[in-house]
């Protein structure tokens, strides 16, 4: 895969970083520089520079005589951020319910259908972005932009959790079903149900990620 000049090491960094976020490269997986160089049609030098940057960002660990390995997610950090997100996202959902429009409902149904198609086509790397788009559309409906920004920033804080569906595939189909329930609660303006459904889904996802991190340790 030849890449346009960005610089070259930046382009390699961005692709590998996205591969890690999407779950194409998983915790503990070795990144072989010669293979990456061949993939991009480059020498080893820009690849080495990209991997050093990934290491400084915490995505990769480099060990002499072993090489570059995708780092393990920090369980404590993931849990802490999820606990905060659960409360904030439940609050945002409750505040959003009276403001959700038919356009919002149509958008949510479209994104959930796209998730279904991605599952059928075995494209787990697409699910994280679709899921994020689904949830942030709900929270954006609430007339509280600072709350929305807090939630958005927390989603970005631990980007690798977006690839939960690649790590824990059984969560994908379950999430689609949960999204249908959330949509119905929003459609019927059931404030209590919508809030609880969001909380329950986030708790299940947090538990699945915790188990994955333990199993991959």
N, C-alpha and C. Protein backbone atom coordinates (compact mmCIF):
# COMPACT_ATOMS: atom_id res chain seq x y z
N UNK A 1 0.85 -1.20 0.00
CA UNK A 1 0.00 0.00 0.00
C UNK A 1 0.89 1.25 0.00
N UNK A 2 1.01 1.91 -1.13
CA UNK A 2 1.79 3.14 -1.21
C UNK A 2 0.99 4.27 -0.57
N UNK A 3 1.66 5.21 0.07
CA UNK A 3 0.96 6.31 0.72
C UNK A 3 1.51 7.63 0.24
N UNK A 4 0.65 8.63 0.23
CA UNK A 4 1.06 9.96 -0.20
C UNK A 4 2.01 10.54 0.85
N UNK A 5 2.85 11.44 0.40
CA UNK A 5 3.81 12.09 1.29
C UNK A 5 3.09 12.99 2.27
N UNK A 6 3.34 12.78 3.60
CA UNK A 6 2.73 13.68 4.58
C UNK A 6 3.74 14.54 5.31
N UNK A 7 4.54 13.98 6.18
CA UNK A 7 5.66 13.10 5.92
C UNK A 7 5.27 11.62 6.03
N UNK A 8 6.21 10.79 5.57
CA UNK A 8 5.95 9.36 5.51
C UNK A 8 5.71 8.77 6.90
N UNK A 9 6.55 9.17 7.87
CA UNK A 9 6.39 8.59 9.21
C UNK A 9 5.06 9.00 9.84
N UNK A 10 4.57 10.21 9.55
CA UNK A 10 3.27 10.66 10.07
C UNK A 10 2.15 9.82 9.46
N UNK A 11 2.24 9.57 8.15
CA UNK A 11 1.22 8.77 7.48
C UNK A 11 1.17 7.36 8.05
N UNK A 12 2.34 6.74 8.26
CA UNK A 12 2.39 5.39 8.83
C UNK A 12 1.85 5.41 10.25
N UNK A 13 2.25 6.41 11.03
CA UNK A 13 1.76 6.55 12.41
C UNK A 13 0.23 6.60 12.43
N UNK A 14 -0.36 7.41 11.58
CA UNK A 14 -1.82 7.59 11.59
C UNK A 14 -2.54 6.30 11.22
N UNK A 15 -2.02 5.57 10.24
CA UNK A 15 -2.67 4.32 9.83
C UNK A 15 -2.55 3.26 10.92
N UNK A 16 -1.35 3.09 11.49
CA UNK A 16 -1.16 2.09 12.54
C UNK A 16 -1.97 2.44 13.79
N UNK A 17 -1.99 3.72 14.12
CA UNK A 17 -2.77 4.17 15.27
C UNK A 17 -4.25 3.84 15.07
N UNK A 18 -4.78 4.10 13.89
CA UNK A 18 -6.19 3.79 13.61
C UNK A 18 -6.43 2.29 13.63
N UNK A 19 -5.46 1.51 13.14
CA UNK A 19 -5.58 0.05 13.18
C UNK A 19 -5.69 -0.45 14.62
N UNK A 20 -4.95 0.18 15.53
CA UNK A 20 -5.00 -0.21 16.94
C UNK A 20 -6.35 0.20 17.54
N UNK A 21 -6.80 1.43 17.24
CA UNK A 21 -8.08 1.91 17.75
C UNK A 21 -9.23 1.04 17.23
N UNK A 22 -9.14 0.63 15.96
CA UNK A 22 -10.21 -0.19 15.34
C UNK A 22 -10.16 -1.65 15.78
N UNK A 23 -9.07 -2.05 16.46
CA UNK A 23 -8.96 -3.44 16.89
C UNK A 23 -8.38 -4.36 15.85
N UNK A 24 -7.91 -3.80 14.73
CA UNK A 24 -7.24 -4.65 13.72
C UNK A 24 -5.91 -5.15 14.27
N UNK A 25 -5.25 -4.30 15.06
CA UNK A 25 -4.06 -4.70 15.80
C UNK A 25 -4.45 -4.77 17.27
N UNK A 26 -4.32 -5.94 17.87
CA UNK A 26 -4.82 -6.17 19.22
C UNK A 26 -3.69 -6.17 20.26
N UNK A 27 -4.09 -6.04 21.52
CA UNK A 27 -3.13 -6.06 22.62
C UNK A 27 -2.23 -7.29 22.53
N UNK A 28 -0.92 -7.07 22.66
CA UNK A 28 0.03 -8.17 22.63
C UNK A 28 0.49 -8.57 21.25
N UNK A 29 -0.13 -8.00 20.22
CA UNK A 29 0.25 -8.36 18.84
C UNK A 29 1.54 -7.66 18.46
N UNK A 30 2.44 -8.41 17.85
CA UNK A 30 3.74 -7.87 17.46
C UNK A 30 3.61 -7.10 16.16
N UNK A 31 4.27 -5.96 16.08
CA UNK A 31 4.32 -5.17 14.85
C UNK A 31 5.71 -5.35 14.24
N UNK A 32 5.77 -6.03 13.12
CA UNK A 32 7.05 -6.34 12.48
C UNK A 32 7.37 -5.23 11.47
N UNK A 33 8.43 -4.51 11.75
CA UNK A 33 8.76 -3.32 10.96
C UNK A 33 8.94 -3.61 9.49
N UNK A 34 9.60 -4.72 9.17
CA UNK A 34 9.83 -5.04 7.75
C UNK A 34 8.52 -5.28 7.01
N UNK A 35 7.56 -5.90 7.70
CA UNK A 35 6.25 -6.14 7.08
C UNK A 35 5.48 -4.84 6.89
N UNK A 36 5.58 -3.95 7.89
CA UNK A 36 4.90 -2.65 7.77
C UNK A 36 5.53 -1.84 6.64
N UNK A 37 6.87 -1.86 6.55
CA UNK A 37 7.57 -1.14 5.48
C UNK A 37 7.14 -1.65 4.11
N UNK A 38 7.02 -2.96 3.98
CA UNK A 38 6.59 -3.55 2.71
C UNK A 38 5.15 -3.16 2.39
N UNK A 39 4.30 -3.14 3.41
CA UNK A 39 2.89 -2.79 3.23
C UNK A 39 2.75 -1.38 2.65
N UNK A 40 3.59 -0.45 3.12
CA UNK A 40 3.49 0.94 2.70
C UNK A 40 4.45 1.31 1.58
N UNK A 41 5.31 0.37 1.20
CA UNK A 41 6.29 0.66 0.15
C UNK A 41 7.34 1.66 0.60
N UNK A 42 7.82 1.50 1.85
CA UNK A 42 8.78 2.43 2.42
C UNK A 42 10.00 1.70 2.95
N UNK A 43 11.01 2.49 3.32
CA UNK A 43 12.15 1.91 4.03
C UNK A 43 11.78 1.74 5.50
N UNK A 44 12.68 1.13 6.27
CA UNK A 44 12.41 0.91 7.70
C UNK A 44 12.43 2.20 8.51
N UNK A 45 13.12 3.23 8.02
CA UNK A 45 13.34 4.44 8.83
C UNK A 45 12.04 5.15 9.21
N UNK A 46 11.16 5.51 8.26
CA UNK A 46 9.91 6.17 8.68
C UNK A 46 9.01 5.27 9.52
N UNK A 47 9.09 3.96 9.30
CA UNK A 47 8.30 3.02 10.10
C UNK A 47 8.80 3.03 11.54
N UNK A 48 10.12 3.03 11.70
CA UNK A 48 10.70 3.07 13.05
C UNK A 48 10.29 4.36 13.77
N UNK A 49 10.30 5.47 13.05
CA UNK A 49 9.91 6.75 13.64
C UNK A 49 8.44 6.75 14.05
N UNK A 50 7.59 6.15 13.21
CA UNK A 50 6.16 6.06 13.52
C UNK A 50 5.93 5.22 14.76
N UNK A 51 6.66 4.13 14.88
CA UNK A 51 6.50 3.23 16.03
C UNK A 51 6.99 3.92 17.31
N UNK A 52 8.05 4.70 17.20
CA UNK A 52 8.52 5.46 18.37
C UNK A 52 7.44 6.43 18.85
N UNK A 53 6.77 7.05 17.90
CA UNK A 53 5.70 7.99 18.28
C UNK A 53 4.53 7.23 18.91
N UNK A 54 4.19 6.08 18.37
CA UNK A 54 3.13 5.25 18.95
C UNK A 54 3.49 4.83 20.37
N UNK A 55 4.78 4.56 20.56
CA UNK A 55 5.26 4.17 21.90
C UNK A 55 5.09 5.35 22.87
N UNK A 56 5.44 6.56 22.43
CA UNK A 56 5.33 7.73 23.31
C UNK A 56 3.87 8.05 23.64
N UNK A 57 2.95 7.65 22.75
CA UNK A 57 1.52 7.86 22.98
C UNK A 57 0.87 6.73 23.78
N UNK A 58 1.66 5.68 24.07
CA UNK A 58 1.14 4.59 24.89
C UNK A 58 0.44 3.48 24.11
N UNK A 59 0.49 3.55 22.78
CA UNK A 59 -0.17 2.52 21.98
C UNK A 59 0.71 1.28 21.80
N UNK A 60 2.01 1.47 21.94
CA UNK A 60 2.97 0.40 21.63
C UNK A 60 4.03 0.36 22.72
N UNK A 61 4.52 -0.85 23.00
CA UNK A 61 5.68 -1.03 23.89
C UNK A 61 6.82 -1.60 23.05
N UNK A 62 8.01 -1.04 23.21
CA UNK A 62 9.17 -1.53 22.45
C UNK A 62 10.16 -2.15 23.42
N UNK A 63 10.48 -3.41 23.18
CA UNK A 63 11.41 -4.14 24.05
C UNK A 63 12.58 -4.64 23.20
N UNK A 64 13.83 -4.37 23.64
CA UNK A 64 14.98 -4.89 22.89
C UNK A 64 14.91 -6.40 22.72
N UNK A 65 15.29 -6.87 21.54
CA UNK A 65 15.30 -8.29 21.17
C UNK A 65 13.90 -8.89 21.00
N UNK A 66 12.88 -8.08 21.26
CA UNK A 66 11.50 -8.53 21.04
C UNK A 66 10.85 -7.69 19.96
N UNK A 67 11.04 -6.38 20.06
CA UNK A 67 10.47 -5.47 19.08
C UNK A 67 9.24 -4.76 19.60
N UNK A 68 8.46 -4.25 18.68
CA UNK A 68 7.27 -3.46 19.02
C UNK A 68 6.06 -4.36 19.17
N UNK A 69 5.35 -4.16 20.28
CA UNK A 69 4.15 -4.93 20.59
C UNK A 69 3.04 -3.96 20.98
N UNK A 70 1.83 -4.22 20.51
CA UNK A 70 0.70 -3.36 20.88
C UNK A 70 0.49 -3.46 22.39
N UNK A 71 0.45 -2.31 23.04
CA UNK A 71 0.37 -2.30 24.50
C UNK A 71 -1.01 -2.72 24.99
N UNK A 72 -1.03 -3.18 26.22
CA UNK A 72 -2.27 -3.56 26.88
C UNK A 72 -2.99 -2.30 27.36
N UNK A 73 -4.31 -2.31 27.27
CA UNK A 73 -5.08 -1.19 27.83
C UNK A 73 -4.95 -1.18 29.35
N UNK A 74 -4.98 0.00 29.91
CA UNK A 74 -4.89 0.18 31.35
C UNK A 74 -6.28 -0.03 31.95
N UNK A 75 -6.47 -1.16 32.64
CA UNK A 75 -7.79 -1.50 33.18
C UNK A 75 -8.31 -0.43 34.14
N UNK A 76 -7.44 0.06 35.01
CA UNK A 76 -7.87 1.06 35.99
C UNK A 76 -8.36 2.32 35.30
N UNK A 77 -7.63 2.75 34.27
CA UNK A 77 -8.01 3.96 33.55
C UNK A 77 -9.33 3.76 32.80
N UNK A 78 -9.47 2.60 32.15
CA UNK A 78 -10.69 2.30 31.40
C UNK A 78 -11.90 2.31 32.33
N UNK A 79 -11.78 1.65 33.47
CA UNK A 79 -12.90 1.56 34.41
C UNK A 79 -13.25 2.94 34.96
N UNK A 80 -12.22 3.70 35.35
CA UNK A 80 -12.50 5.04 35.90
C UNK A 80 -13.25 5.91 34.89
N UNK A 81 -12.79 5.91 33.65
CA UNK A 81 -13.44 6.74 32.64
C UNK A 81 -14.84 6.23 32.35
N UNK A 82 -15.02 4.92 32.31
CA UNK A 82 -16.36 4.37 32.07
C UNK A 82 -17.31 4.73 33.20
N UNK A 83 -16.85 4.68 34.45
CA UNK A 83 -17.72 5.02 35.57
C UNK A 83 -18.20 6.47 35.47
N UNK A 84 -17.31 7.35 35.05
CA UNK A 84 -17.70 8.75 34.86
C UNK A 84 -18.65 8.88 33.68
N UNK A 85 -18.30 8.19 32.58
CA UNK A 85 -19.15 8.25 31.39
C UNK A 85 -20.55 7.73 31.65
N UNK A 86 -20.66 6.67 32.40
CA UNK A 86 -21.98 6.09 32.68
C UNK A 86 -22.90 7.14 33.30
N UNK A 87 -22.38 7.87 34.28
CA UNK A 87 -23.20 8.88 34.96
C UNK A 87 -23.52 10.05 34.04
N UNK A 88 -22.51 10.54 33.33
CA UNK A 88 -22.72 11.70 32.46
C UNK A 88 -23.63 11.37 31.28
N UNK A 89 -23.45 10.18 30.71
CA UNK A 89 -24.26 9.81 29.54
C UNK A 89 -25.70 9.52 29.93
N UNK A 90 -25.89 8.97 31.11
CA UNK A 90 -27.26 8.77 31.61
C UNK A 90 -27.93 10.12 31.82
N UNK A 91 -27.20 11.07 32.42
CA UNK A 91 -27.72 12.42 32.64
C UNK A 91 -28.06 13.08 31.31
N UNK A 92 -27.15 13.00 30.35
CA UNK A 92 -27.38 13.63 29.05
C UNK A 92 -28.58 13.02 28.34
N UNK A 93 -28.76 11.72 28.48
CA UNK A 93 -29.91 11.06 27.86
C UNK A 93 -31.21 11.57 28.48
N UNK A 94 -31.23 11.63 29.81
CA UNK A 94 -32.44 12.12 30.50
C UNK A 94 -32.78 13.54 30.06
N UNK A 95 -31.76 14.38 29.93
CA UNK A 95 -31.99 15.76 29.53
C UNK A 95 -32.35 15.88 28.05
N UNK A 96 -31.91 14.89 27.25
CA UNK A 96 -32.15 14.94 25.81
C UNK A 96 -33.56 14.50 25.43
N UNK A 97 -34.14 13.61 26.23
CA UNK A 97 -35.42 12.98 25.84
C UNK A 97 -36.48 13.99 25.38
N UNK A 98 -36.75 15.08 26.11
CA UNK A 98 -37.79 16.01 25.65
C UNK A 98 -37.45 16.73 24.35
N UNK A 99 -36.15 16.72 24.00
CA UNK A 99 -35.68 17.51 22.85
C UNK A 99 -35.43 16.67 21.60
N UNK A 100 -35.50 15.36 21.72
CA UNK A 100 -35.23 14.48 20.57
C UNK A 100 -36.30 14.68 19.50
N UNK A 101 -35.84 14.88 18.26
CA UNK A 101 -36.74 15.13 17.13
C UNK A 101 -36.90 13.89 16.27
N UNK A 102 -37.82 13.96 15.32
CA UNK A 102 -37.99 12.85 14.38
C UNK A 102 -36.74 12.67 13.52
N UNK A 103 -36.04 13.76 13.23
CA UNK A 103 -34.77 13.65 12.48
C UNK A 103 -33.73 12.88 13.30
N UNK A 104 -33.71 13.14 14.60
CA UNK A 104 -32.79 12.39 15.47
C UNK A 104 -33.11 10.90 15.45
N UNK A 105 -34.39 10.57 15.58
CA UNK A 105 -34.81 9.16 15.56
C UNK A 105 -34.43 8.50 14.25
N UNK A 106 -34.67 9.18 13.14
CA UNK A 106 -34.31 8.63 11.83
C UNK A 106 -32.80 8.39 11.73
N UNK A 107 -32.02 9.32 12.24
CA UNK A 107 -30.57 9.19 12.23
C UNK A 107 -30.14 7.98 13.06
N UNK A 108 -30.71 7.83 14.24
CA UNK A 108 -30.36 6.71 15.11
C UNK A 108 -30.72 5.37 14.47
N UNK A 109 -31.87 5.32 13.83
CA UNK A 109 -32.27 4.08 13.16
C UNK A 109 -31.32 3.75 12.01
N UNK A 110 -30.90 4.78 11.29
CA UNK A 110 -29.96 4.58 10.17
C UNK A 110 -28.63 4.05 10.68
N UNK A 111 -28.11 4.65 11.74
CA UNK A 111 -26.81 4.20 12.27
C UNK A 111 -26.91 2.78 12.81
N UNK A 112 -28.02 2.45 13.45
CA UNK A 112 -28.17 1.09 13.99
C UNK A 112 -28.28 0.08 12.86
N UNK A 113 -28.94 0.45 11.78
CA UNK A 113 -29.03 -0.43 10.60
C UNK A 113 -27.64 -0.61 9.98
N UNK A 114 -26.86 0.44 9.94
CA UNK A 114 -25.49 0.34 9.42
C UNK A 114 -24.64 -0.58 10.29
N UNK A 115 -24.88 -0.55 11.59
CA UNK A 115 -24.18 -1.48 12.49
C UNK A 115 -24.56 -2.92 12.17
N UNK A 116 -25.85 -3.16 11.94
CA UNK A 116 -26.31 -4.50 11.58
C UNK A 116 -25.62 -5.00 10.31
N UNK A 117 -25.55 -4.12 9.31
CA UNK A 117 -24.91 -4.49 8.04
C UNK A 117 -23.43 -4.79 8.24
N UNK A 118 -22.76 -3.98 9.07
CA UNK A 118 -21.33 -4.20 9.33
C UNK A 118 -21.10 -5.54 10.01
N UNK A 119 -22.01 -5.92 10.91
CA UNK A 119 -21.90 -7.23 11.57
C UNK A 119 -22.06 -8.35 10.55
N UNK A 120 -23.06 -8.24 9.69
CA UNK A 120 -23.32 -9.27 8.68
C UNK A 120 -22.15 -9.39 7.71
N UNK A 121 -21.50 -8.27 7.41
CA UNK A 121 -20.38 -8.27 6.48
C UNK A 121 -19.04 -8.55 7.17
N UNK A 122 -19.10 -8.84 8.47
CA UNK A 122 -17.90 -9.13 9.27
C UNK A 122 -16.88 -8.00 9.18
N UNK A 123 -17.35 -6.79 9.46
CA UNK A 123 -16.49 -5.61 9.44
C UNK A 123 -16.51 -4.93 10.82
N UNK A 124 -15.93 -5.58 11.82
CA UNK A 124 -15.98 -5.03 13.18
C UNK A 124 -15.29 -3.68 13.31
N UNK A 125 -14.34 -3.39 12.40
CA UNK A 125 -13.62 -2.13 12.48
C UNK A 125 -14.53 -0.93 12.22
N UNK A 126 -15.70 -1.15 11.61
CA UNK A 126 -16.63 -0.05 11.35
C UNK A 126 -17.55 0.24 12.54
N UNK A 127 -17.65 -0.72 13.44
CA UNK A 127 -18.68 -0.64 14.48
C UNK A 127 -18.42 0.45 15.52
N UNK A 128 -17.16 0.66 15.87
CA UNK A 128 -16.84 1.65 16.89
C UNK A 128 -17.30 3.04 16.52
N UNK A 129 -17.01 3.44 15.28
CA UNK A 129 -17.40 4.77 14.82
C UNK A 129 -18.92 4.89 14.73
N UNK A 130 -19.59 3.86 14.21
CA UNK A 130 -21.04 3.88 14.09
C UNK A 130 -21.70 3.97 15.47
N UNK A 131 -21.16 3.21 16.41
CA UNK A 131 -21.70 3.23 17.77
C UNK A 131 -21.50 4.61 18.42
N UNK A 132 -20.32 5.18 18.21
CA UNK A 132 -20.04 6.51 18.75
C UNK A 132 -20.99 7.55 18.15
N UNK A 133 -21.18 7.49 16.83
CA UNK A 133 -22.11 8.42 16.17
C UNK A 133 -23.53 8.29 16.74
N UNK A 134 -23.93 7.05 16.98
CA UNK A 134 -25.27 6.78 17.54
C UNK A 134 -25.44 7.49 18.89
N UNK A 135 -24.50 7.24 19.78
CA UNK A 135 -24.64 7.77 21.14
C UNK A 135 -24.49 9.29 21.20
N UNK A 136 -23.51 9.81 20.49
CA UNK A 136 -23.30 11.26 20.57
C UNK A 136 -24.47 12.04 19.98
N UNK A 137 -25.17 11.44 19.02
CA UNK A 137 -26.36 12.13 18.49
C UNK A 137 -27.41 12.32 19.59
N UNK A 138 -27.55 11.32 20.44
CA UNK A 138 -28.51 11.44 21.55
C UNK A 138 -28.10 12.57 22.48
N UNK A 139 -26.83 12.55 22.90
CA UNK A 139 -26.37 13.52 23.89
C UNK A 139 -26.36 14.94 23.34
N UNK A 140 -26.14 15.06 22.03
CA UNK A 140 -26.14 16.38 21.41
C UNK A 140 -27.54 17.00 21.40
N UNK A 141 -28.57 16.17 21.49
CA UNK A 141 -29.95 16.68 21.50
C UNK A 141 -30.26 17.45 22.78
N UNK A 142 -29.53 17.15 23.85
CA UNK A 142 -29.74 17.90 25.09
C UNK A 142 -29.19 19.31 24.93
N UNK A 143 -29.89 20.32 25.43
CA UNK A 143 -29.46 21.72 25.23
C UNK A 143 -28.37 22.15 26.20
N UNK A 144 -27.34 21.30 26.36
CA UNK A 144 -26.26 21.58 27.32
C UNK A 144 -24.92 21.28 26.65
N UNK A 145 -24.38 22.23 25.89
CA UNK A 145 -23.17 21.98 25.10
C UNK A 145 -21.94 21.63 25.94
N UNK A 146 -21.84 22.16 27.14
CA UNK A 146 -20.67 21.83 27.97
C UNK A 146 -20.72 20.36 28.40
N UNK A 147 -21.89 19.88 28.74
CA UNK A 147 -22.05 18.46 29.08
C UNK A 147 -21.69 17.59 27.89
N UNK A 148 -22.14 17.98 26.72
CA UNK A 148 -21.82 17.23 25.49
C UNK A 148 -20.30 17.19 25.26
N UNK A 149 -19.65 18.33 25.46
CA UNK A 149 -18.19 18.37 25.26
C UNK A 149 -17.47 17.48 26.27
N UNK A 150 -17.90 17.49 27.51
CA UNK A 150 -17.30 16.61 28.52
C UNK A 150 -17.37 15.15 28.08
N UNK A 151 -18.55 14.75 27.60
CA UNK A 151 -18.74 13.36 27.17
C UNK A 151 -17.89 13.05 25.94
N UNK A 152 -17.88 13.96 24.98
CA UNK A 152 -17.08 13.76 23.76
C UNK A 152 -15.60 13.60 24.10
N UNK A 153 -15.12 14.45 25.01
CA UNK A 153 -13.71 14.39 25.41
C UNK A 153 -13.38 13.05 26.08
N UNK A 154 -14.31 12.55 26.88
CA UNK A 154 -14.08 11.26 27.55
C UNK A 154 -14.08 10.11 26.56
N UNK A 155 -14.91 10.18 25.53
CA UNK A 155 -14.88 9.15 24.46
C UNK A 155 -13.50 9.13 23.81
N UNK A 156 -12.91 10.32 23.61
CA UNK A 156 -11.61 10.41 22.95
C UNK A 156 -10.46 10.01 23.89
N UNK A 157 -10.70 10.13 25.19
CA UNK A 157 -9.64 9.90 26.17
C UNK A 157 -9.07 8.48 26.07
N UNK A 158 -9.95 7.50 25.94
CA UNK A 158 -9.50 6.11 25.79
C UNK A 158 -10.08 5.59 24.48
N UNK A 159 -9.45 6.01 23.39
CA UNK A 159 -9.99 5.73 22.06
C UNK A 159 -10.09 4.23 21.77
N UNK A 160 -9.19 3.45 22.35
CA UNK A 160 -9.17 2.03 22.02
C UNK A 160 -10.40 1.29 22.51
N UNK A 161 -11.12 1.86 23.47
CA UNK A 161 -12.34 1.19 23.92
C UNK A 161 -13.42 1.20 22.84
N UNK A 162 -13.25 2.06 21.82
CA UNK A 162 -14.21 2.09 20.72
C UNK A 162 -14.19 0.79 19.92
N UNK A 163 -13.09 0.04 20.03
CA UNK A 163 -12.99 -1.22 19.29
C UNK A 163 -13.44 -2.41 20.12
N UNK A 164 -14.28 -2.15 21.12
CA UNK A 164 -14.80 -3.23 21.97
C UNK A 164 -15.42 -4.35 21.14
N UNK A 165 -16.03 -4.00 20.00
CA UNK A 165 -16.71 -5.01 19.19
C UNK A 165 -15.73 -5.92 18.46
N UNK A 166 -14.51 -5.42 18.24
CA UNK A 166 -13.47 -6.28 17.69
C UNK A 166 -12.88 -7.17 18.78
N UNK A 167 -12.77 -6.63 19.99
CA UNK A 167 -12.24 -7.38 21.13
C UNK A 167 -13.25 -8.41 21.63
N UNK A 168 -14.52 -7.99 21.71
CA UNK A 168 -15.58 -8.83 22.29
C UNK A 168 -16.73 -8.88 21.27
N UNK A 169 -16.63 -9.72 20.24
CA UNK A 169 -17.60 -9.71 19.14
C UNK A 169 -19.05 -9.92 19.57
N UNK A 170 -19.26 -10.66 20.64
CA UNK A 170 -20.64 -10.94 21.07
C UNK A 170 -21.37 -9.67 21.54
N UNK A 171 -20.61 -8.62 21.86
CA UNK A 171 -21.25 -7.37 22.27
C UNK A 171 -21.89 -6.65 21.09
N UNK A 172 -21.47 -6.96 19.87
CA UNK A 172 -21.96 -6.23 18.71
C UNK A 172 -23.46 -6.44 18.49
N UNK A 173 -23.87 -7.70 18.35
CA UNK A 173 -25.29 -7.99 18.11
C UNK A 173 -26.13 -7.56 19.31
N UNK A 174 -25.60 -7.76 20.51
CA UNK A 174 -26.33 -7.36 21.72
C UNK A 174 -26.55 -5.85 21.72
N UNK A 175 -25.54 -5.09 21.30
CA UNK A 175 -25.66 -3.63 21.29
C UNK A 175 -26.71 -3.15 20.29
N UNK A 176 -26.79 -3.82 19.15
CA UNK A 176 -27.81 -3.45 18.16
C UNK A 176 -29.21 -3.61 18.76
N UNK A 177 -29.42 -4.73 19.46
CA UNK A 177 -30.71 -4.95 20.12
C UNK A 177 -30.98 -3.92 21.21
N UNK A 178 -29.95 -3.58 21.96
CA UNK A 178 -30.09 -2.57 23.01
C UNK A 178 -30.40 -1.20 22.41
N UNK A 179 -29.78 -0.91 21.27
CA UNK A 179 -30.04 0.36 20.59
C UNK A 179 -31.51 0.46 20.15
N UNK A 180 -32.08 -0.65 19.71
CA UNK A 180 -33.49 -0.62 19.31
C UNK A 180 -34.37 -0.23 20.49
N UNK A 181 -34.05 -0.79 21.65
CA UNK A 181 -34.83 -0.45 22.86
C UNK A 181 -34.65 1.02 23.23
N UNK A 182 -33.43 1.51 23.09
CA UNK A 182 -33.16 2.93 23.39
C UNK A 182 -33.95 3.82 22.44
N UNK A 183 -33.96 3.48 21.16
CA UNK A 183 -34.70 4.27 20.17
C UNK A 183 -36.18 4.31 20.53
N UNK A 184 -36.74 3.17 20.91
CA UNK A 184 -38.17 3.13 21.26
C UNK A 184 -38.47 3.97 22.50
N UNK A 185 -37.57 3.93 23.46
CA UNK A 185 -37.77 4.75 24.66
C UNK A 185 -37.71 6.24 24.32
N UNK A 186 -36.80 6.61 23.43
CA UNK A 186 -36.70 8.00 23.00
C UNK A 186 -37.93 8.42 22.20
N UNK A 187 -38.38 7.52 21.34
CA UNK A 187 -39.55 7.82 20.51
C UNK A 187 -40.80 8.07 21.36
N UNK A 188 -40.93 7.26 22.42
CA UNK A 188 -42.11 7.40 23.29
C UNK A 188 -41.90 8.40 24.41
N UNK A 189 -40.73 9.09 24.38
CA UNK A 189 -40.41 10.11 25.39
C UNK A 189 -40.41 9.53 26.81
N UNK A 190 -39.98 8.28 26.93
CA UNK A 190 -39.90 7.61 28.23
C UNK A 190 -38.54 7.92 28.85
N UNK A 191 -38.51 8.97 29.60
CA UNK A 191 -37.28 9.50 30.17
C UNK A 191 -36.57 8.48 31.07
N UNK A 192 -37.32 7.83 31.94
CA UNK A 192 -36.73 6.88 32.90
C UNK A 192 -36.16 5.67 32.17
N UNK A 193 -36.92 5.13 31.23
CA UNK A 193 -36.47 3.94 30.50
C UNK A 193 -35.22 4.25 29.68
N UNK A 194 -35.21 5.39 28.99
CA UNK A 194 -34.06 5.74 28.15
C UNK A 194 -32.79 5.86 28.99
N UNK A 195 -32.91 6.52 30.13
CA UNK A 195 -31.76 6.69 31.02
C UNK A 195 -31.24 5.34 31.51
N UNK A 196 -32.14 4.47 31.94
CA UNK A 196 -31.73 3.16 32.48
C UNK A 196 -31.14 2.27 31.40
N UNK A 197 -31.70 2.33 30.19
CA UNK A 197 -31.16 1.52 29.09
C UNK A 197 -29.74 1.93 28.75
N UNK A 198 -29.48 3.23 28.73
CA UNK A 198 -28.11 3.71 28.48
C UNK A 198 -27.17 3.23 29.59
N UNK A 199 -27.61 3.37 30.85
CA UNK A 199 -26.77 2.93 31.98
C UNK A 199 -26.46 1.45 31.89
N UNK A 200 -27.49 0.65 31.63
CA UNK A 200 -27.32 -0.80 31.57
C UNK A 200 -26.35 -1.18 30.45
N UNK A 201 -26.50 -0.54 29.30
CA UNK A 201 -25.62 -0.88 28.18
C UNK A 201 -24.17 -0.53 28.49
N UNK A 202 -23.94 0.63 29.06
CA UNK A 202 -22.58 1.05 29.39
C UNK A 202 -21.95 0.13 30.43
N UNK A 203 -22.74 -0.29 31.41
CA UNK A 203 -22.22 -1.22 32.43
C UNK A 203 -21.83 -2.56 31.81
N UNK A 204 -22.64 -3.05 30.88
CA UNK A 204 -22.31 -4.32 30.21
C UNK A 204 -21.03 -4.19 29.39
N UNK A 205 -20.89 -3.07 28.69
CA UNK A 205 -19.70 -2.84 27.88
C UNK A 205 -18.46 -2.73 28.75
N UNK A 206 -18.57 -2.01 29.87
CA UNK A 206 -17.45 -1.88 30.79
C UNK A 206 -17.02 -3.25 31.30
N UNK A 207 -17.99 -4.08 31.69
CA UNK A 207 -17.68 -5.42 32.21
C UNK A 207 -17.00 -6.26 31.14
N UNK A 208 -17.47 -6.15 29.89
CA UNK A 208 -16.87 -6.92 28.78
C UNK A 208 -15.44 -6.48 28.53
N UNK A 209 -15.19 -5.18 28.58
CA UNK A 209 -13.83 -4.67 28.39
C UNK A 209 -12.91 -5.10 29.53
N UNK A 210 -13.41 -5.03 30.75
CA UNK A 210 -12.60 -5.49 31.89
C UNK A 210 -12.18 -6.94 31.73
N UNK A 211 -13.13 -7.77 31.32
CA UNK A 211 -12.83 -9.18 31.15
C UNK A 211 -11.82 -9.40 30.04
N UNK A 212 -11.98 -8.64 28.95
CA UNK A 212 -11.03 -8.74 27.82
C UNK A 212 -9.63 -8.37 28.27
N UNK A 213 -9.52 -7.25 29.01
CA UNK A 213 -8.20 -6.80 29.47
C UNK A 213 -7.56 -7.86 30.37
N UNK A 214 -8.36 -8.45 31.27
CA UNK A 214 -7.82 -9.51 32.15
C UNK A 214 -7.37 -10.72 31.34
N UNK A 215 -8.20 -11.13 30.38
CA UNK A 215 -7.89 -12.33 29.59
C UNK A 215 -6.68 -12.14 28.69
N UNK A 216 -6.44 -10.89 28.25
CA UNK A 216 -5.35 -10.64 27.33
C UNK A 216 -4.06 -10.25 28.05
N UNK A 217 -4.10 -10.26 29.38
CA UNK A 217 -2.95 -9.84 30.16
C UNK A 217 -1.85 -10.87 30.22
